[in-house]
């Protein structure tokens, strides 16, 4: 079995999850559909400060830690 960090960078895994996301959002309006995905190398945790004690995502922390991945999957808006 491969570690999550190894799976997160495999092109076949990214393509499979992207296909599944498109299949499950095809009935949505075009602006609501998932166009690209990024996969984190590990789960978010309370210990790393990415989740609050009530399991809510701390958006600012996640945006700061994963800025490179977010930039890679976000379309450029002019």
Protein backbone atom coordinates (compact mmCIF):
# COMPACT_ATOMS: atom_id res chain seq x y z
CA UNK A 1 0.00 0.00 0.00
CA UNK A 2 1.22 3.47 -0.86
CA UNK A 3 1.32 6.33 1.61
CA UNK A 4 -1.17 9.19 1.13
CA UNK A 5 1.67 11.58 0.23
CA UNK A 6 2.73 9.25 -2.59
CA UNK A 7 -0.83 8.87 -3.88
CA UNK A 8 -1.39 12.64 -3.82
CA UNK A 9 1.19 13.23 -6.55
CA UNK A 10 0.39 10.31 -8.87
CA UNK A 11 -1.13 11.51 -12.15
CA UNK A 12 -3.41 8.46 -12.44
CA UNK A 13 -4.91 9.15 -9.01
CA UNK A 14 -5.42 12.84 -9.79
CA UNK A 15 -7.06 11.97 -13.13
CA UNK A 16 -9.33 9.37 -11.51
CA UNK A 17 -10.51 11.76 -8.79
CA UNK A 18 -10.95 14.56 -11.34
CA UNK A 19 -13.10 12.30 -13.52
CA UNK A 20 -15.20 11.28 -10.52
CA UNK A 21 -15.66 14.93 -9.52
CA UNK A 22 -16.81 15.82 -13.04
CA UNK A 23 -19.23 12.87 -13.18
CA UNK A 24 -20.81 13.82 -9.87
CA UNK A 25 -21.15 17.51 -10.73
CA UNK A 26 -22.26 17.22 -14.37
CA UNK A 27 -25.87 18.13 -13.48
CA UNK A 28 -24.80 21.42 -11.90
CA UNK A 29 -24.58 24.78 -13.65
CA UNK A 30 -21.23 25.30 -15.43
CA UNK A 31 -20.01 27.79 -12.82
CA UNK A 32 -20.71 25.25 -10.04
CA UNK A 33 -18.82 22.34 -11.61
CA UNK A 34 -15.43 21.20 -10.36
CA UNK A 35 -12.83 21.91 -13.06
CA UNK A 36 -9.57 21.01 -11.34
CA UNK A 37 -8.60 19.33 -8.10
CA UNK A 38 -5.63 19.33 -5.79
CA UNK A 39 -4.89 16.57 -3.33
CA UNK A 40 -3.29 17.27 0.04
CA UNK A 41 -0.45 14.94 1.01
CA UNK A 42 -2.02 14.25 4.42
CA UNK A 43 -5.18 14.80 6.43
CA UNK A 44 -5.75 18.15 8.12
CA UNK A 45 -5.19 17.96 11.89
CA UNK A 46 -5.89 19.89 15.07
CA UNK A 47 -2.24 19.44 16.12
CA UNK A 48 -0.98 21.22 13.00
CA UNK A 49 -3.43 24.08 13.62
CA UNK A 50 -5.39 23.39 10.43
CA UNK A 51 -8.56 22.37 12.29
CA UNK A 52 -10.24 23.88 15.31
CA UNK A 53 -11.07 21.65 18.31
CA UNK A 54 -14.57 21.32 16.82
CA UNK A 55 -13.10 20.04 13.51
CA UNK A 56 -13.75 23.24 11.55
CA UNK A 57 -11.17 24.08 8.89
CA UNK A 58 -9.04 27.10 9.77
CA UNK A 59 -9.11 28.58 6.32
CA UNK A 60 -6.36 31.16 6.76
CA UNK A 61 -3.94 28.54 8.09
CA UNK A 62 -4.74 26.09 5.27
CA UNK A 63 -4.47 28.84 2.64
CA UNK A 64 -1.05 29.83 4.00
CA UNK A 65 0.30 26.28 4.31
CA UNK A 66 -0.94 25.09 0.93
CA UNK A 67 -0.64 28.32 -1.10
CA UNK A 68 1.43 26.59 -3.78
CA UNK A 69 -1.12 23.85 -4.35
CA UNK A 70 -4.00 26.32 -4.30
CA UNK A 71 -2.25 28.54 -6.86
CA UNK A 72 -1.58 25.52 -9.06
CA UNK A 73 -5.25 24.54 -9.30
CA UNK A 74 -6.90 27.97 -9.29
CA UNK A 75 -7.58 29.58 -12.67
CA UNK A 76 -5.99 32.96 -13.24
CA UNK A 77 -8.63 35.68 -13.00
CA UNK A 78 -7.85 38.93 -14.78
